[in-house]
Amino acid sequence: MAFALAASVQGATPPVAPPSETQDALAQLWTGIYDMTEERVASNPPDSPLEPATTRLQINVRRVPIPWLGTHVLYVEEFPYDQPFEARRRVLLSIEPAPGSDGSLRVRQFTRNTKTGNAGALTPDDVESVPGCDIFLKREGSQFRGGTRGRKCLESDGSDHRWLDYRVVIGDGLFWYRRRRLDIPGDELSEEIAGFPHVDLDEARLFSCGISWAARDKGPRKLIDSFDLHDRGGRGHFRTPDGRALTVELHGSDWPLSEGRESLVLILTDGKTDSEPIASSWTSLGAARVGIDIGWLAIDCAPVVSETGEQRS
């Protein structure tokens, strides 16, 4: 079954970027291959204990030329992890300006028209929209956030009638969504599913990191923040006393350049897309700690539980 989503974006704060620029930004951010975990958060009636609570998926998003659908079109394939020939969903995303001036993106959903038998290239007659299931996205910094509006996205299963609430966040290497089904007319939640990037926490290690800061050349550093990070791309966000918003991330054996010589890699950035790191450091994977010291800022990370060779932390 094929779907299509249409979207348009404007900047969240002045100056407002032209629609074509925000369309390009969304298409660029969304394109990629995602290793996802889909978790059933709630269901009514409750699932059997024998039912798996999570499913691992792969989602492939790439840009395709379909002029009759729009100038910015993405093709999405979704399938169980490591089973590329078992596609469970195929999606078209057509990104286009939305009416109005609130800076939103409109995401229209389409299904394949079952009345057509065309097995070749799609034509406008091969797809049909699902009324009320448009998704509206807004640009917030380097991310796009939003979802459906109201109770207009309807679905039926025999005598059961529901409406769908869908939320999504798209950013640099980030794709998160939440899908809720609510019964009509009582708005009782029948199912809630969350999708987010997969982390193999069975193999991950947890580190505790402290952030110390000093005004440039003005005395000793002071601890300004602390948080825990896992070494499978865990990220922490903090703000310095002078107002800088910074991001630190920690990688272990998931770091692509460490294959064959696994390292612990700590990276400090300003969080902006495609920006060069402010600083980075690396050490051996089993090191007692890893840190960054750039004078006015220092980051020190140590494992919550040290490696013993018998049990991972």
Protein backbone atom coordinates (compact mmCIF):
# COMPACT_ATOMS: atom_id res chain seq x y z
CA MET A 1 0.00 0.00 0.00
CA ALA A 2 1.36 3.40 -0.92
CA PHE A 3 0.90 6.62 1.00
CA ALA A 4 1.83 10.23 0.30
CA LEU A 5 2.38 13.07 2.70
CA ALA A 6 2.52 16.71 1.65
CA ALA A 7 4.28 19.35 3.70
CA SER A 8 5.36 23.01 3.67
CA VAL A 9 7.57 24.78 6.15
CA GLN A 10 8.45 28.29 7.24
CA GLY A 11 10.95 29.39 9.85
CA ALA A 12 9.66 29.57 13.41
CA THR A 13 11.29 32.94 14.09
CA PRO A 14 12.01 35.98 11.89
CA PRO A 15 13.46 36.36 9.37
CA VAL A 16 11.18 33.84 7.66
CA ALA A 17 12.95 31.62 5.14
CA PRO A 18 11.43 31.26 1.66
CA PRO A 19 9.21 28.15 1.30
CA SER A 20 11.67 26.49 -1.09
CA GLU A 21 14.46 26.74 1.49
CA THR A 22 12.40 25.15 4.24
CA GLN A 23 11.22 22.44 1.85
CA ASP A 24 14.86 21.70 1.05
CA ALA A 25 15.73 21.65 4.76
CA LEU A 26 13.00 19.17 5.62
CA ALA A 27 13.81 16.91 2.65
CA GLN A 28 17.48 16.88 3.62
CA LEU A 29 16.81 16.16 7.31
CA TRP A 30 14.31 13.39 6.63
CA THR A 31 16.41 11.56 4.03
CA GLY A 32 18.36 8.63 5.47
CA ILE A 33 18.23 5.05 6.75
CA TYR A 34 16.79 4.68 10.26
CA ASP A 35 17.18 1.74 12.65
CA MET A 36 14.05 2.11 14.77
CA THR A 37 12.37 0.59 17.81
CA GLU A 38 8.58 0.67 17.81
CA GLU A 39 7.12 0.20 21.29
CA ARG A 40 3.49 -0.38 22.23
CA VAL A 41 3.03 2.02 25.13
CA ALA A 42 -0.63 1.23 25.84
CA SER A 43 -3.51 -0.83 24.48
CA ASN A 44 -7.13 -1.48 25.38
CA PRO A 45 -7.76 -4.28 26.09
CA PRO A 46 -4.21 -4.96 27.37
CA ASP A 47 -2.00 -7.11 25.19
CA SER A 48 -1.26 -10.69 26.13
CA PRO A 49 2.01 -11.09 28.08
CA LEU A 50 3.12 -13.34 25.23
CA GLU A 51 2.84 -10.48 22.72
CA PRO A 52 6.15 -8.69 22.03
CA ALA A 53 6.12 -5.18 23.51
CA THR A 54 8.65 -3.84 20.98
CA THR A 55 9.43 -4.32 17.30
CA ARG A 56 12.66 -3.40 15.56
CA LEU A 57 12.23 -1.73 12.18
CA GLN A 58 14.30 -0.24 9.40
CA ILE A 59 12.96 2.83 7.61
CA ASN A 60 14.58 3.98 4.37
CA VAL A 61 13.79 7.53 3.21
CA ARG A 62 15.06 8.82 -0.13
CA ARG A 63 14.17 11.59 -2.55
CA VAL A 64 12.43 10.67 -5.82
CA PRO A 65 11.29 12.71 -8.85
CA ILE A 66 7.49 12.63 -9.22
CA PRO A 67 6.66 16.03 -10.78
CA TRP A 68 2.89 15.59 -10.69
CA LEU A 69 3.07 15.11 -6.90
CA GLY A 70 5.34 18.08 -6.19
CA THR A 71 8.83 19.53 -6.33
CA HIS A 72 10.03 17.84 -3.12
CA VAL A 73 8.98 14.19 -2.93
CA LEU A 74 10.37 11.49 -0.64
CA TYR A 75 9.84 7.75 -0.93
CA VAL A 76 9.71 5.80 2.35
CA GLU A 77 10.04 2.05 2.81
CA GLU A 78 9.43 0.43 6.17
CA PHE A 79 10.23 -3.21 6.93
CA PRO A 80 11.17 -5.50 9.85
CA TYR A 81 14.83 -5.21 10.81
CA ASP A 82 17.17 -7.01 8.41
CA GLN A 83 14.25 -8.22 6.24
CA PRO A 84 14.26 -5.75 3.31
CA PHE A 85 11.98 -7.91 1.16
CA GLU A 86 9.22 -7.95 3.78
CA ALA A 87 8.10 -4.33 3.38
CA ARG A 88 5.11 -3.63 5.61
CA ARG A 89 4.56 -0.07 4.39
CA ARG A 90 5.59 2.15 1.49
CA VAL A 91 5.11 5.90 1.73
CA LEU A 92 5.39 8.95 -0.49
CA LEU A 93 6.06 12.32 1.14
CA SER A 94 5.29 15.34 -0.99
CA ILE A 95 6.61 18.50 0.64
CA GLU A 96 4.83 21.67 -0.44
CA PRO A 97 3.83 25.04 1.03
CA ALA A 98 0.73 25.00 3.21
CA PRO A 99 -1.91 27.70 3.06
CA GLY A 100 -1.89 30.32 5.80
CA SER A 101 0.91 32.26 7.43
CA ASP A 102 1.61 30.42 10.70
CA GLY A 103 4.76 28.76 9.38
CA SER A 104 3.32 25.24 9.35
CA LEU A 105 3.93 22.27 7.09
CA ARG A 106 0.98 20.37 5.73
CA VAL A 107 1.37 16.60 5.44
CA ARG A 108 -1.32 14.97 3.33
CA GLN A 109 -1.69 11.20 3.40
CA PHE A 110 -2.58 9.12 0.37
CA THR A 111 -3.39 5.44 -0.14
CA ARG A 112 -3.09 3.48 -3.35
CA ASN A 113 -6.35 3.41 -5.24
CA THR A 114 -7.35 -0.27 -5.25
CA LYS A 115 -9.59 0.32 -8.28
CA THR A 116 -6.56 0.84 -10.51
CA GLY A 117 -4.61 -2.09 -11.84
CA ASN A 118 -1.56 -0.19 -13.01
CA ALA A 119 1.51 -2.13 -11.89
CA GLY A 120 3.96 0.27 -13.52
CA ALA A 121 4.74 3.90 -12.75
CA LEU A 122 2.24 5.71 -10.55
CA THR A 123 -0.09 8.28 -12.04
CA PRO A 124 -2.40 10.76 -10.25
CA ASP A 125 -5.26 8.29 -10.75
CA ASP A 126 -3.38 5.59 -8.81
CA VAL A 127 -3.50 7.35 -5.43
CA GLU A 128 -6.17 8.92 -3.25
CA SER A 129 -5.94 11.08 -0.17
CA VAL A 130 -7.21 10.16 3.27
CA PRO A 131 -9.42 13.08 4.40
CA GLY A 132 -8.44 14.69 7.69
CA CYS A 133 -5.09 12.90 8.06
CA ASP A 134 -2.94 15.88 7.10
CA ILE A 135 0.08 16.44 9.35
CA PHE A 136 1.23 19.97 10.13
CA LEU A 137 4.88 20.57 10.99
CA LYS A 138 6.62 23.66 12.34
CA ARG A 139 10.28 24.44 12.28
CA GLU A 140 11.77 24.83 15.76
CA GLY A 141 15.48 25.54 15.63
CA SER A 142 17.10 22.70 13.69
CA GLN A 143 14.07 20.38 14.05
CA PHE A 144 10.58 20.03 12.58
CA ARG A 145 7.76 19.15 14.99
CA GLY A 146 4.02 18.68 14.68
CA GLY A 147 1.22 16.27 13.95
CA THR A 148 -2.41 15.86 13.00
CA ARG A 149 -5.00 18.41 14.09
CA GLY A 150 -8.32 17.76 15.73
CA ARG A 151 -10.35 14.56 15.41
CA LYS A 152 -10.49 14.46 11.62
CA CYS A 153 -8.28 11.46 10.79
CA LEU A 154 -10.80 8.62 10.98
CA GLU A 155 -10.49 4.86 10.54
CA SER A 156 -12.95 1.99 10.83
CA ASP A 157 -12.54 -1.69 11.65
CA GLY A 158 -15.92 -3.34 11.28
CA SER A 159 -18.20 -1.77 13.86
CA ASP A 160 -15.29 -0.03 15.63
CA HIS A 161 -14.66 3.59 14.69
CA ARG A 162 -11.58 5.49 15.80
CA TRP A 163 -9.68 8.67 15.17
CA LEU A 164 -5.92 8.90 14.86
CA ASP A 165 -3.57 11.32 16.63
CA TYR A 166 -0.05 11.35 15.16
CA ARG A 167 2.99 13.33 16.41
CA VAL A 168 6.41 13.46 14.78
CA VAL A 169 9.82 15.07 15.38
CA ILE A 170 12.45 15.20 12.62
CA GLY A 171 15.97 16.47 13.16
CA ASP A 172 19.63 15.79 12.51
CA GLY A 173 19.78 11.99 12.66
CA LEU A 174 16.51 12.04 14.60
CA PHE A 175 13.15 10.53 13.66
CA TRP A 176 10.62 10.13 16.48
CA TYR A 177 6.88 9.53 16.25
CA ARG A 178 3.89 8.72 18.44
CA ARG A 179 0.68 7.22 17.07
CA ARG A 180 -2.48 7.08 19.20
CA ARG A 181 -5.82 5.53 18.29
CA LEU A 182 -8.86 6.79 20.22
CA ASP A 183 -12.37 5.36 20.14
CA ILE A 184 -15.37 7.34 18.90
CA PRO A 185 -17.39 8.82 20.54
CA GLY A 186 -15.78 8.58 24.00
CA ASP A 187 -12.16 9.43 23.03
CA GLU A 188 -10.98 6.41 25.01
CA LEU A 189 -7.40 5.44 24.15
CA SER A 190 -7.35 2.08 22.38
CA GLU A 191 -3.68 2.01 21.38
CA GLU A 192 -0.53 4.12 21.70
CA ILE A 193 2.70 3.33 19.85
CA ALA A 194 6.01 5.19 20.01
CA GLY A 195 8.80 4.93 17.44
CA PHE A 196 12.35 6.10 18.14
CA PRO A 197 15.96 5.35 17.07
CA HIS A 198 17.06 1.92 18.24
CA VAL A 199 19.80 1.63 20.86
CA ASP A 200 21.25 -1.75 21.76
CA LEU A 201 21.27 -1.06 25.50
CA ASP A 202 22.29 -4.64 26.29
CA GLU A 203 25.70 -3.74 24.87
CA ALA A 204 25.75 -0.08 25.97
CA ARG A 205 27.65 1.35 28.94
CA LEU A 206 26.34 4.19 31.07
CA PHE A 207 28.65 7.14 31.80
CA SER A 208 28.20 10.03 34.21
CA CYS A 209 29.47 13.35 32.82
CA GLY A 210 30.22 16.62 34.61
CA ILE A 211 30.40 20.01 32.83
CA SER A 212 32.70 22.67 34.33
CA TRP A 213 32.89 26.27 33.11
CA ALA A 214 34.91 29.37 33.82
CA ALA A 215 34.59 32.87 32.41
CA ARG A 216 37.56 33.29 30.09
CA ASP A 217 40.70 33.83 32.23
CA LYS A 218 38.58 34.65 35.29
CA GLY A 219 39.36 32.13 37.97
CA PRO A 220 38.74 28.42 38.55
CA ARG A 221 36.02 26.44 36.83
CA LYS A 222 32.69 25.67 38.47
CA LEU A 223 30.45 22.67 37.88
CA ILE A 224 27.43 23.95 35.90
CA ASP A 225 25.70 20.73 34.82
CA SER A 226 25.85 16.94 34.95
CA PHE A 227 24.00 14.11 33.21
CA ASP A 228 24.30 10.46 32.26
CA LEU A 229 25.06 9.30 28.71
CA HIS A 230 25.18 5.85 27.12
CA ASP A 231 28.03 5.11 24.72
CA ARG A 232 25.80 4.31 21.73
CA GLY A 233 25.38 7.90 20.58
CA GLY A 234 23.92 9.26 23.81
CA ARG A 235 23.46 13.03 23.75
CA GLY A 236 23.25 15.68 26.44
CA HIS A 237 22.27 19.32 25.98
CA PHE A 238 23.34 22.16 28.25
CA ARG A 239 23.68 25.94 28.30
CA THR A 240 26.72 27.85 29.56
CA PRO A 241 26.35 30.85 31.86
CA ASP A 242 27.14 33.16 28.93
CA GLY A 243 24.15 31.78 27.01
CA ARG A 244 25.71 29.27 24.58
CA ALA A 245 23.58 26.18 23.85
CA LEU A 246 25.91 23.20 23.39
CA THR A 247 25.58 19.46 22.83
CA VAL A 248 27.88 16.63 23.92
CA GLU A 249 27.60 13.10 22.55
CA LEU A 250 29.38 9.86 23.41
CA HIS A 251 30.16 6.97 21.07
CA GLY A 252 31.72 3.56 21.67
CA SER A 253 31.78 0.66 19.25
CA ASP A 254 28.88 2.24 17.31
CA TRP A 255 31.30 4.88 15.95
CA PRO A 256 31.92 3.90 12.28
CA LEU A 257 35.59 4.91 12.26
CA SER A 258 36.39 2.72 15.26
CA GLU A 259 35.84 -0.62 13.51
CA GLY A 260 38.79 -2.88 14.18
CA ARG A 261 40.24 -0.41 16.71
CA GLU A 262 37.27 0.36 18.90
CA SER A 263 37.48 3.68 20.72
CA LEU A 264 35.50 5.82 23.10
CA VAL A 265 34.76 9.12 21.34
CA LEU A 266 33.44 12.30 22.99
CA ILE A 267 32.24 15.16 20.76
CA LEU A 268 31.24 18.73 21.64
CA THR A 269 29.13 20.70 19.13
CA ASP A 270 26.80 23.68 19.00
CA GLY A 271 24.01 21.38 17.81
CA LYS A 272 23.65 23.02 14.40
CA THR A 273 23.21 20.84 11.32
CA ASP A 274 26.44 20.20 9.36
CA SER A 275 28.53 22.33 11.75
CA GLU A 276 32.08 21.27 12.61
CA PRO A 277 32.64 20.00 16.18
CA ILE A 278 33.92 22.55 18.66
CA ALA A 279 36.17 19.85 20.13
CA SER A 280 36.47 16.08 20.33
CA SER A 281 38.59 13.48 22.08
CA TRP A 282 39.05 9.73 22.01
CA THR A 283 40.55 6.99 24.12
CA SER A 284 40.49 3.21 24.33
CA LEU A 285 37.10 1.59 24.72
CA GLY A 286 37.89 0.24 28.20
CA ALA A 287 39.42 3.47 29.55
CA ALA A 288 38.53 4.65 33.06
CA ARG A 289 37.29 8.02 31.73
CA VAL A 290 37.14 10.29 28.71
CA GLY A 291 37.04 14.08 28.64
CA ILE A 292 37.45 17.37 26.78
CA ASP A 293 39.32 20.42 28.10
CA ILE A 294 39.29 23.62 26.03
CA GLY A 295 40.23 26.02 28.79
CA TRP A 296 36.97 27.81 29.49
CA LEU A 297 35.01 24.53 29.39
CA ALA A 298 35.78 21.02 30.56
CA ILE A 299 33.80 17.80 30.23
CA ASP A 300 34.68 14.71 32.26
CA CYS A 301 32.86 11.39 31.75
CA ALA A 302 33.42 8.20 33.74
CA PRO A 303 31.52 4.88 33.59
CA VAL A 304 28.91 4.43 36.27
CA VAL A 305 30.14 0.85 36.67
CA SER A 306 33.73 0.05 35.71
CA GLU A 307 34.50 -2.79 33.32
CA THR A 308 35.47 -5.97 35.19
CA GLY A 309 35.71 -8.40 32.31
CA GLU A 310 32.86 -10.39 33.85
CA GLN A 311 29.89 -8.08 33.54
CA ARG A 312 29.24 -5.01 31.45
CA SER A 313 27.94 -1.85 33.08
